[in-house]
């Protein structure tokens, strides 16, 4: 019997995994570099949608110059923001990953259970991202320094981004540590 999966017997592999869980998780979760490049890909996708659909639609409706009080609240800025947040919310809800994450074999995981709840998705993709962007994206750097490579938006939602090829290993490690 495999000593790693046997919960009654402490084998050499099991004790190493238990002692080095934090170090292993740094390898299992997606780091800053891959998440950053995935985010750049997502921004290109969003820019494309806005260029191909949003801007022509605003021109068609003669709203390209419309604004509320100040230029920051222009129809174009509001629509661009809606597309941005909807992209991240809907992709995370239905696929657990944006197109950028899919390309790198990454997905968002919850630490509260098997599936992501709607509140986790809203906190992560809306509130957490807004706060991170409001401070020039500096809070995203937290990903490089946390144990599970969590950004501020992940900490708010109790989530992280894992490498899909290590998802089963991480689940086994987490389950093992809960039974020990």
N, C-alpha and C. Protein backbone atom coordinates (compact mmCIF):
# COMPACT_ATOMS: atom_id res chain seq x y z
N UNK A 1 0.85 -1.18 0.00
CA UNK A 1 0.00 0.00 0.00
C UNK A 1 0.89 1.24 0.00
N UNK A 2 0.48 2.27 -0.71
CA UNK A 2 1.23 3.52 -0.79
C UNK A 2 1.24 4.19 0.57
N UNK A 3 2.43 4.49 1.08
CA UNK A 3 2.52 5.08 2.42
C UNK A 3 2.01 6.50 2.45
N UNK A 4 1.95 7.16 1.29
CA UNK A 4 1.46 8.53 1.26
C UNK A 4 -0.05 8.59 1.52
N UNK A 5 -0.80 7.65 0.97
CA UNK A 5 -2.26 7.68 1.11
C UNK A 5 -2.74 6.90 2.33
N UNK A 6 -1.88 6.15 2.98
CA UNK A 6 -2.26 5.40 4.16
C UNK A 6 -2.23 6.34 5.37
N UNK A 7 -3.40 6.66 5.91
CA UNK A 7 -3.48 7.62 7.01
C UNK A 7 -3.13 7.01 8.37
N UNK A 8 -3.08 5.71 8.44
CA UNK A 8 -2.82 5.06 9.72
C UNK A 8 -1.33 4.83 9.96
N UNK A 9 -0.56 4.91 8.95
CA UNK A 9 0.85 4.57 9.05
C UNK A 9 1.68 5.72 8.52
N UNK A 10 2.62 6.19 9.26
CA UNK A 10 3.46 7.32 8.87
C UNK A 10 4.69 6.79 8.15
N UNK A 11 4.69 6.88 6.83
CA UNK A 11 5.82 6.44 6.03
C UNK A 11 6.76 7.60 5.74
N UNK A 12 7.90 7.31 5.13
CA UNK A 12 8.87 8.38 4.87
C UNK A 12 8.34 9.47 3.94
N UNK A 13 7.62 9.09 2.90
CA UNK A 13 7.08 10.09 1.98
C UNK A 13 6.03 10.95 2.68
N UNK A 14 5.19 10.33 3.48
CA UNK A 14 4.14 11.06 4.19
C UNK A 14 4.73 12.07 5.17
N UNK A 15 5.78 11.68 5.87
CA UNK A 15 6.37 12.61 6.84
C UNK A 15 7.06 13.78 6.14
N UNK A 16 7.67 13.53 5.00
CA UNK A 16 8.30 14.60 4.23
C UNK A 16 7.23 15.59 3.75
N UNK A 17 6.13 15.06 3.22
CA UNK A 17 5.04 15.90 2.73
C UNK A 17 4.48 16.74 3.88
N UNK A 18 4.28 16.13 5.03
CA UNK A 18 3.74 16.85 6.18
C UNK A 18 4.68 17.97 6.62
N UNK A 19 5.97 17.67 6.69
CA UNK A 19 6.95 18.66 7.14
C UNK A 19 7.16 19.78 6.13
N UNK A 20 7.05 19.47 4.86
CA UNK A 20 7.36 20.47 3.83
C UNK A 20 6.12 20.92 3.05
N UNK A 21 4.97 20.88 3.69
CA UNK A 21 3.72 21.25 3.03
C UNK A 21 3.79 22.66 2.45
N UNK A 22 4.28 23.62 3.22
CA UNK A 22 4.35 25.02 2.74
C UNK A 22 5.24 25.14 1.52
N UNK A 23 6.39 24.48 1.54
CA UNK A 23 7.31 24.53 0.39
C UNK A 23 6.68 23.88 -0.84
N UNK A 24 5.99 22.76 -0.63
CA UNK A 24 5.32 22.09 -1.74
C UNK A 24 4.23 22.97 -2.34
N UNK A 25 3.48 23.64 -1.48
CA UNK A 25 2.39 24.47 -1.99
C UNK A 25 2.91 25.64 -2.82
N UNK A 26 4.09 26.13 -2.50
CA UNK A 26 4.67 27.20 -3.33
C UNK A 26 4.91 26.71 -4.75
N UNK A 27 5.14 25.41 -4.92
CA UNK A 27 5.31 24.84 -6.25
C UNK A 27 3.98 24.53 -6.92
N UNK A 28 2.97 24.16 -6.15
CA UNK A 28 1.68 23.74 -6.69
C UNK A 28 0.83 24.92 -7.16
N UNK A 29 0.95 26.03 -6.48
CA UNK A 29 0.14 27.20 -6.83
C UNK A 29 0.89 28.07 -7.84
N UNK A 30 0.12 28.72 -8.69
CA UNK A 30 0.68 29.55 -9.76
C UNK A 30 1.34 30.78 -9.17
N UNK A 31 2.57 31.04 -9.58
CA UNK A 31 3.32 32.17 -9.08
C UNK A 31 3.01 33.46 -9.81
N UNK A 32 3.72 34.50 -9.43
CA UNK A 32 3.48 35.84 -9.97
C UNK A 32 3.68 35.90 -11.49
N UNK A 33 4.75 35.29 -12.00
CA UNK A 33 5.09 35.38 -13.42
C UNK A 33 4.00 34.84 -14.34
N UNK A 34 3.57 33.62 -14.09
CA UNK A 34 2.55 33.02 -14.96
C UNK A 34 1.21 33.74 -14.81
N UNK A 35 0.89 34.17 -13.61
CA UNK A 35 -0.36 34.90 -13.40
C UNK A 35 -0.32 36.26 -14.07
N UNK A 36 0.84 36.91 -14.06
CA UNK A 36 0.98 38.22 -14.69
C UNK A 36 0.80 38.11 -16.21
N UNK A 37 1.46 37.13 -16.82
CA UNK A 37 1.35 36.95 -18.27
C UNK A 37 -0.10 36.57 -18.63
N UNK A 38 -0.73 35.73 -17.83
CA UNK A 38 -2.14 35.36 -18.07
C UNK A 38 -3.02 36.61 -18.00
N UNK A 39 -2.73 37.49 -17.06
CA UNK A 39 -3.50 38.74 -16.91
C UNK A 39 -3.31 39.64 -18.14
N UNK A 40 -2.09 39.71 -18.65
CA UNK A 40 -1.83 40.51 -19.86
C UNK A 40 -2.65 39.94 -21.03
N UNK A 41 -2.69 38.63 -21.15
CA UNK A 41 -3.50 37.99 -22.20
C UNK A 41 -4.97 38.35 -22.02
N UNK A 42 -5.44 38.33 -20.78
CA UNK A 42 -6.84 38.69 -20.50
C UNK A 42 -7.10 40.16 -20.87
N UNK A 43 -6.17 41.03 -20.59
CA UNK A 43 -6.33 42.44 -20.96
C UNK A 43 -6.40 42.60 -22.48
N UNK A 44 -5.64 41.81 -23.21
CA UNK A 44 -5.70 41.85 -24.68
C UNK A 44 -7.07 41.38 -25.17
N UNK A 45 -7.60 40.34 -24.55
CA UNK A 45 -8.93 39.85 -24.91
C UNK A 45 -9.98 40.93 -24.65
N UNK A 46 -9.91 41.55 -23.48
CA UNK A 46 -10.87 42.60 -23.13
C UNK A 46 -10.74 43.79 -24.08
N UNK A 47 -9.52 44.19 -24.38
CA UNK A 47 -9.28 45.28 -25.32
C UNK A 47 -9.88 44.95 -26.69
N UNK A 48 -9.72 43.70 -27.11
CA UNK A 48 -10.28 43.26 -28.39
C UNK A 48 -11.80 43.36 -28.41
N UNK A 49 -12.43 42.89 -27.35
CA UNK A 49 -13.89 42.96 -27.25
C UNK A 49 -14.35 44.41 -27.30
N UNK A 50 -13.66 45.27 -26.56
CA UNK A 50 -14.03 46.68 -26.55
C UNK A 50 -13.82 47.32 -27.92
N UNK A 51 -12.76 46.96 -28.61
CA UNK A 51 -12.48 47.53 -29.93
C UNK A 51 -13.46 47.03 -30.98
N UNK A 52 -13.79 45.77 -30.94
CA UNK A 52 -14.63 45.16 -31.97
C UNK A 52 -16.13 45.39 -31.71
N UNK A 53 -16.55 45.40 -30.45
CA UNK A 53 -17.98 45.47 -30.14
C UNK A 53 -18.39 46.79 -29.47
N UNK A 54 -17.74 47.12 -28.35
CA UNK A 54 -18.19 48.26 -27.54
C UNK A 54 -18.08 49.59 -28.27
N UNK A 55 -16.91 49.90 -28.79
CA UNK A 55 -16.74 51.21 -29.45
C UNK A 55 -17.65 51.38 -30.66
N UNK A 56 -17.75 50.38 -31.56
CA UNK A 56 -18.70 50.54 -32.68
C UNK A 56 -20.15 50.69 -32.21
N UNK A 57 -20.53 49.97 -31.15
CA UNK A 57 -21.88 50.06 -30.62
C UNK A 57 -22.15 51.47 -30.07
N UNK A 58 -21.19 52.03 -29.37
CA UNK A 58 -21.34 53.39 -28.84
C UNK A 58 -21.45 54.41 -29.99
N UNK A 59 -20.67 54.21 -31.05
CA UNK A 59 -20.75 55.09 -32.22
C UNK A 59 -22.11 54.96 -32.89
N UNK A 60 -22.59 53.74 -33.02
CA UNK A 60 -23.89 53.49 -33.64
C UNK A 60 -25.02 54.16 -32.87
N UNK A 61 -24.92 54.15 -31.54
CA UNK A 61 -25.94 54.76 -30.69
C UNK A 61 -25.67 56.25 -30.43
N UNK A 62 -24.61 56.75 -31.05
CA UNK A 62 -24.20 58.16 -30.91
C UNK A 62 -23.92 58.53 -29.44
N UNK A 63 -23.27 57.60 -28.73
CA UNK A 63 -22.93 57.81 -27.32
C UNK A 63 -21.43 57.92 -27.06
N UNK A 64 -20.62 57.95 -28.12
CA UNK A 64 -19.17 57.95 -27.92
C UNK A 64 -18.67 59.17 -27.16
N UNK A 65 -19.40 60.30 -27.20
CA UNK A 65 -18.98 61.50 -26.47
C UNK A 65 -19.81 61.75 -25.21
N UNK A 66 -20.75 60.87 -24.91
CA UNK A 66 -21.62 61.06 -23.75
C UNK A 66 -20.83 60.86 -22.46
N UNK A 67 -21.13 61.69 -21.47
CA UNK A 67 -20.47 61.55 -20.17
C UNK A 67 -21.36 62.11 -19.07
N UNK A 68 -21.12 61.64 -17.88
CA UNK A 68 -21.81 62.13 -16.69
C UNK A 68 -20.84 63.01 -15.91
N UNK A 69 -21.08 64.27 -15.82
CA UNK A 69 -20.32 65.26 -15.06
C UNK A 69 -18.88 65.45 -15.54
N UNK A 70 -18.08 64.39 -15.51
CA UNK A 70 -16.66 64.50 -15.87
C UNK A 70 -16.29 63.42 -16.89
N UNK A 71 -15.22 63.64 -17.64
CA UNK A 71 -14.83 62.65 -18.66
C UNK A 71 -14.59 61.24 -18.11
N UNK A 72 -14.22 61.15 -16.84
CA UNK A 72 -13.99 59.82 -16.25
C UNK A 72 -15.27 58.97 -16.30
N UNK A 73 -16.41 59.62 -16.24
CA UNK A 73 -17.69 58.92 -16.29
C UNK A 73 -18.30 58.97 -17.68
N UNK A 74 -17.48 58.78 -18.68
CA UNK A 74 -17.98 58.75 -20.05
C UNK A 74 -18.63 57.39 -20.32
N UNK A 75 -19.46 57.36 -21.33
CA UNK A 75 -20.12 56.10 -21.70
C UNK A 75 -19.07 55.04 -22.06
N UNK A 76 -18.01 55.47 -22.75
CA UNK A 76 -16.95 54.54 -23.14
C UNK A 76 -16.25 53.95 -21.92
N UNK A 77 -15.92 54.79 -20.93
CA UNK A 77 -15.26 54.29 -19.71
C UNK A 77 -16.17 53.36 -18.91
N UNK A 78 -17.43 53.72 -18.82
CA UNK A 78 -18.37 52.88 -18.07
C UNK A 78 -18.53 51.53 -18.76
N UNK A 79 -18.71 51.54 -20.07
CA UNK A 79 -18.86 50.26 -20.80
C UNK A 79 -17.59 49.42 -20.73
N UNK A 80 -16.44 50.06 -20.85
CA UNK A 80 -15.16 49.34 -20.75
C UNK A 80 -15.02 48.68 -19.38
N UNK A 81 -15.40 49.39 -18.34
CA UNK A 81 -15.33 48.83 -16.98
C UNK A 81 -16.29 47.67 -16.80
N UNK A 82 -17.49 47.82 -17.34
CA UNK A 82 -18.48 46.73 -17.25
C UNK A 82 -17.95 45.48 -17.95
N UNK A 83 -17.40 45.65 -19.14
CA UNK A 83 -16.84 44.51 -19.90
C UNK A 83 -15.70 43.87 -19.10
N UNK A 84 -14.82 44.70 -18.53
CA UNK A 84 -13.68 44.21 -17.74
C UNK A 84 -14.16 43.31 -16.60
N UNK A 85 -15.06 43.84 -15.76
CA UNK A 85 -15.49 43.07 -14.59
C UNK A 85 -16.35 41.86 -14.98
N UNK A 86 -17.23 42.02 -15.97
CA UNK A 86 -18.04 40.89 -16.42
C UNK A 86 -17.18 39.75 -16.96
N UNK A 87 -16.14 40.09 -17.71
CA UNK A 87 -15.24 39.07 -18.24
C UNK A 87 -14.68 38.21 -17.11
N UNK A 88 -14.10 38.85 -16.10
CA UNK A 88 -13.49 38.11 -15.01
C UNK A 88 -14.53 37.35 -14.19
N UNK A 89 -15.67 37.97 -13.91
CA UNK A 89 -16.71 37.32 -13.12
C UNK A 89 -17.26 36.10 -13.85
N UNK A 90 -17.66 36.27 -15.10
CA UNK A 90 -18.30 35.17 -15.84
C UNK A 90 -17.33 34.04 -16.17
N UNK A 91 -16.12 34.38 -16.57
CA UNK A 91 -15.14 33.33 -16.87
C UNK A 91 -14.80 32.52 -15.61
N UNK A 92 -14.64 33.20 -14.49
CA UNK A 92 -14.33 32.50 -13.24
C UNK A 92 -15.52 31.67 -12.79
N UNK A 93 -16.72 32.18 -12.93
CA UNK A 93 -17.92 31.44 -12.51
C UNK A 93 -18.11 30.17 -13.33
N UNK A 94 -17.99 30.28 -14.65
CA UNK A 94 -18.33 29.15 -15.50
C UNK A 94 -17.15 28.22 -15.83
N UNK A 95 -15.93 28.74 -15.78
CA UNK A 95 -14.77 27.92 -16.18
C UNK A 95 -13.68 27.84 -15.11
N UNK A 96 -13.82 28.59 -14.02
CA UNK A 96 -12.80 28.67 -12.97
C UNK A 96 -11.49 29.23 -13.49
N UNK A 97 -11.53 29.81 -14.68
CA UNK A 97 -10.32 30.36 -15.27
C UNK A 97 -10.69 31.31 -16.40
N UNK A 98 -9.88 32.32 -16.58
CA UNK A 98 -10.02 33.20 -17.73
C UNK A 98 -9.25 32.57 -18.89
N UNK A 99 -9.35 33.15 -20.07
CA UNK A 99 -8.61 32.60 -21.21
C UNK A 99 -7.10 32.59 -20.95
N UNK A 100 -6.59 33.64 -20.34
CA UNK A 100 -5.16 33.67 -20.00
C UNK A 100 -4.76 32.54 -19.08
N UNK A 101 -5.56 32.29 -18.05
CA UNK A 101 -5.27 31.18 -17.13
C UNK A 101 -5.37 29.84 -17.84
N UNK A 102 -6.37 29.70 -18.72
CA UNK A 102 -6.54 28.44 -19.46
C UNK A 102 -5.30 28.13 -20.30
N UNK A 103 -4.74 29.13 -20.94
CA UNK A 103 -3.56 28.94 -21.76
C UNK A 103 -2.40 28.38 -20.94
N UNK A 104 -2.29 28.82 -19.69
CA UNK A 104 -1.20 28.36 -18.82
C UNK A 104 -1.58 27.16 -17.97
N UNK A 105 -2.78 26.61 -18.14
CA UNK A 105 -3.20 25.45 -17.36
C UNK A 105 -3.41 25.78 -15.90
N UNK A 106 -4.02 26.93 -15.62
CA UNK A 106 -4.26 27.39 -14.26
C UNK A 106 -5.76 27.49 -14.02
N UNK A 107 -6.16 27.40 -12.77
CA UNK A 107 -7.56 27.64 -12.43
C UNK A 107 -7.68 28.16 -11.00
N UNK A 108 -8.78 28.84 -10.75
CA UNK A 108 -9.04 29.41 -9.43
C UNK A 108 -9.63 28.32 -8.54
N UNK A 109 -9.12 28.21 -7.33
CA UNK A 109 -9.64 27.23 -6.37
C UNK A 109 -10.09 27.95 -5.10
N UNK A 110 -11.07 27.34 -4.46
CA UNK A 110 -11.61 27.86 -3.21
C UNK A 110 -11.01 27.10 -2.04
N UNK A 111 -10.76 27.80 -0.95
CA UNK A 111 -10.31 27.13 0.26
C UNK A 111 -11.47 26.84 1.20
N UNK A 112 -12.69 27.22 0.77
CA UNK A 112 -13.89 27.01 1.60
C UNK A 112 -14.67 25.78 1.19
N UNK A 113 -14.33 25.17 0.09
CA UNK A 113 -15.07 24.01 -0.38
C UNK A 113 -14.70 23.70 -1.81
N UNK A 114 -15.38 22.75 -2.38
CA UNK A 114 -15.06 22.29 -3.74
C UNK A 114 -15.36 23.32 -4.80
N UNK A 115 -16.51 24.00 -4.70
CA UNK A 115 -16.89 24.96 -5.73
C UNK A 115 -16.74 26.39 -5.22
N UNK A 116 -16.55 27.30 -6.16
CA UNK A 116 -16.47 28.72 -5.83
C UNK A 116 -17.90 29.24 -5.61
N UNK A 117 -18.11 29.93 -4.52
CA UNK A 117 -19.43 30.51 -4.28
C UNK A 117 -19.55 31.83 -5.04
N UNK A 118 -20.78 32.26 -5.26
CA UNK A 118 -20.99 33.54 -5.93
C UNK A 118 -20.35 34.69 -5.16
N UNK A 119 -20.44 34.65 -3.84
CA UNK A 119 -19.84 35.73 -3.05
C UNK A 119 -18.31 35.72 -3.18
N UNK A 120 -17.69 34.54 -3.23
CA UNK A 120 -16.25 34.48 -3.44
C UNK A 120 -15.88 35.09 -4.80
N UNK A 121 -16.64 34.76 -5.81
CA UNK A 121 -16.36 35.26 -7.15
C UNK A 121 -16.50 36.78 -7.19
N UNK A 122 -17.57 37.31 -6.59
CA UNK A 122 -17.79 38.76 -6.58
C UNK A 122 -16.68 39.46 -5.79
N UNK A 123 -16.34 38.94 -4.61
CA UNK A 123 -15.29 39.55 -3.81
C UNK A 123 -13.95 39.51 -4.54
N UNK A 124 -13.63 38.37 -5.15
CA UNK A 124 -12.35 38.20 -5.83
C UNK A 124 -12.27 39.06 -7.08
N UNK A 125 -13.27 38.93 -7.94
CA UNK A 125 -13.19 39.53 -9.27
C UNK A 125 -13.68 40.97 -9.35
N UNK A 126 -14.44 41.41 -8.38
CA UNK A 126 -14.95 42.78 -8.43
C UNK A 126 -14.29 43.64 -7.36
N UNK A 127 -14.60 43.36 -6.12
CA UNK A 127 -14.12 44.20 -5.02
C UNK A 127 -12.60 44.12 -4.88
N UNK A 128 -12.07 42.90 -4.86
CA UNK A 128 -10.62 42.73 -4.71
C UNK A 128 -9.84 43.32 -5.87
N UNK A 129 -10.29 43.11 -7.10
CA UNK A 129 -9.61 43.68 -8.27
C UNK A 129 -9.70 45.19 -8.28
N UNK A 130 -10.86 45.72 -7.92
CA UNK A 130 -11.02 47.18 -7.89
C UNK A 130 -10.04 47.80 -6.90
N UNK A 131 -9.96 47.23 -5.72
CA UNK A 131 -9.03 47.75 -4.71
C UNK A 131 -7.59 47.64 -5.20
N UNK A 132 -7.23 46.50 -5.80
CA UNK A 132 -5.87 46.31 -6.29
C UNK A 132 -5.53 47.30 -7.41
N UNK A 133 -6.48 47.55 -8.29
CA UNK A 133 -6.23 48.48 -9.40
C UNK A 133 -6.22 49.93 -8.91
N UNK A 134 -6.98 50.23 -7.88
CA UNK A 134 -7.06 51.60 -7.37
C UNK A 134 -5.71 52.06 -6.81
N UNK A 135 -4.87 51.13 -6.41
CA UNK A 135 -3.56 51.47 -5.86
C UNK A 135 -2.47 51.10 -6.89
N UNK A 136 -2.77 51.36 -8.16
CA UNK A 136 -1.83 51.16 -9.27
C UNK A 136 -1.35 49.73 -9.43
N UNK A 137 -2.13 48.76 -8.97
CA UNK A 137 -1.79 47.35 -9.14
C UNK A 137 -0.74 46.84 -8.18
N UNK A 138 -0.26 47.67 -7.29
CA UNK A 138 0.78 47.25 -6.34
C UNK A 138 0.35 46.06 -5.48
N UNK A 139 -0.91 45.99 -5.02
CA UNK A 139 -1.31 44.81 -4.22
C UNK A 139 -1.17 43.48 -4.95
N UNK A 140 -1.13 43.49 -6.29
CA UNK A 140 -0.92 42.23 -7.02
C UNK A 140 0.45 41.63 -6.72
N UNK A 141 1.41 42.45 -6.31
CA UNK A 141 2.75 41.95 -6.00
C UNK A 141 2.75 41.02 -4.79
N UNK A 142 1.73 41.08 -3.98
CA UNK A 142 1.62 40.19 -2.81
C UNK A 142 1.69 38.73 -3.24
N UNK A 143 1.25 38.44 -4.47
CA UNK A 143 1.27 37.07 -5.00
C UNK A 143 2.67 36.46 -4.88
N UNK A 144 3.69 37.25 -5.10
CA UNK A 144 5.06 36.75 -5.09
C UNK A 144 5.55 36.36 -3.69
N UNK A 145 4.86 36.82 -2.65
CA UNK A 145 5.40 36.64 -1.30
C UNK A 145 4.55 35.80 -0.36
N UNK A 146 3.37 35.38 -0.79
CA UNK A 146 2.52 34.60 0.11
C UNK A 146 2.71 33.10 -0.14
N UNK A 147 2.41 32.32 0.88
CA UNK A 147 2.63 30.87 0.86
C UNK A 147 1.94 30.18 -0.31
N UNK A 148 0.70 30.54 -0.56
CA UNK A 148 -0.06 29.92 -1.66
C UNK A 148 -0.16 30.85 -2.86
N UNK A 149 0.74 31.78 -2.95
CA UNK A 149 0.76 32.77 -4.03
C UNK A 149 -0.58 33.47 -4.19
N UNK A 150 -1.11 33.96 -3.07
CA UNK A 150 -2.40 34.65 -3.09
C UNK A 150 -2.19 36.15 -3.21
N UNK A 151 -3.01 36.77 -4.07
CA UNK A 151 -3.05 38.22 -4.16
C UNK A 151 -4.04 38.74 -3.13
N UNK A 152 -4.10 40.07 -3.00
CA UNK A 152 -5.05 40.67 -2.07
C UNK A 152 -6.47 40.21 -2.40
N UNK A 153 -6.79 40.18 -3.70
CA UNK A 153 -8.14 39.76 -4.11
C UNK A 153 -8.40 38.29 -3.75
N UNK A 154 -7.35 37.46 -3.74
CA UNK A 154 -7.50 36.06 -3.31
C UNK A 154 -7.71 35.98 -1.80
N UNK A 155 -6.98 36.79 -1.06
CA UNK A 155 -7.12 36.78 0.40
C UNK A 155 -8.52 37.20 0.82
N UNK A 156 -9.09 38.21 0.13
CA UNK A 156 -10.46 38.63 0.42
C UNK A 156 -11.45 37.48 0.22
N UNK A 157 -11.23 36.70 -0.83
CA UNK A 157 -12.20 35.67 -1.22
C UNK A 157 -11.85 34.27 -0.74
N UNK A 158 -10.71 34.12 -0.07
CA UNK A 158 -10.24 32.80 0.38
C UNK A 158 -10.08 31.85 -0.81
N UNK A 159 -9.35 32.34 -1.82
CA UNK A 159 -9.08 31.58 -3.04
C UNK A 159 -7.60 31.68 -3.40
N UNK A 160 -7.20 30.94 -4.40
CA UNK A 160 -5.89 31.09 -5.02
C UNK A 160 -5.97 30.51 -6.42
N UNK A 161 -4.85 30.55 -7.13
CA UNK A 161 -4.78 30.01 -8.48
C UNK A 161 -3.78 28.86 -8.45
N UNK A 162 -4.23 27.69 -8.89
CA UNK A 162 -3.41 26.49 -8.82
C UNK A 162 -3.05 26.03 -10.23
N UNK A 163 -1.92 25.35 -10.33
CA UNK A 163 -1.56 24.71 -11.59
C UNK A 163 -2.42 23.45 -11.70
N UNK A 164 -3.17 23.33 -12.78
CA UNK A 164 -4.12 22.21 -12.91
C UNK A 164 -3.46 20.85 -12.79
N UNK A 165 -2.24 20.71 -13.27
CA UNK A 165 -1.60 19.39 -13.22
C UNK A 165 -1.28 18.95 -11.79
N UNK A 166 -1.32 19.88 -10.83
CA UNK A 166 -1.04 19.54 -9.44
C UNK A 166 -2.27 19.60 -8.55
N UNK A 167 -3.44 19.78 -9.14
CA UNK A 167 -4.66 19.92 -8.35
C UNK A 167 -4.91 18.69 -7.48
N UNK A 168 -4.81 17.49 -8.04
CA UNK A 168 -5.07 16.26 -7.28
C UNK A 168 -4.04 16.08 -6.16
N UNK A 169 -2.78 16.38 -6.43
CA UNK A 169 -1.75 16.28 -5.40
C UNK A 169 -2.06 17.23 -4.25
N UNK A 170 -2.45 18.45 -4.56
CA UNK A 170 -2.77 19.42 -3.52
C UNK A 170 -3.97 18.96 -2.70
N UNK A 171 -4.99 18.43 -3.36
CA UNK A 171 -6.16 17.93 -2.65
C UNK A 171 -5.76 16.81 -1.69
N UNK A 172 -4.88 15.92 -2.15
CA UNK A 172 -4.41 14.82 -1.30
C UNK A 172 -3.63 15.36 -0.09
N UNK A 173 -2.77 16.34 -0.31
CA UNK A 173 -1.99 16.95 0.77
C UNK A 173 -2.93 17.61 1.78
N UNK A 174 -3.89 18.39 1.28
CA UNK A 174 -4.85 19.08 2.18
C UNK A 174 -5.67 18.06 2.98
N UNK A 175 -6.19 17.04 2.32
CA UNK A 175 -6.98 16.04 3.01
C UNK A 175 -6.16 15.27 4.03
N UNK A 176 -4.91 14.97 3.70
CA UNK A 176 -4.04 14.25 4.61
C UNK A 176 -3.78 15.07 5.87
N UNK A 177 -3.52 16.35 5.70
CA UNK A 177 -3.21 17.21 6.84
C UNK A 177 -4.44 17.44 7.72
N UNK A 178 -5.63 17.32 7.18
CA UNK A 178 -6.85 17.46 7.98
C UNK A 178 -7.10 16.21 8.82
N UNK A 179 -6.61 15.06 8.38
CA UNK A 179 -6.84 13.83 9.12
C UNK A 179 -5.73 13.53 10.13
N UNK A 180 -4.60 14.23 10.00
CA UNK A 180 -3.47 13.97 10.91
C UNK A 180 -3.61 14.79 12.16
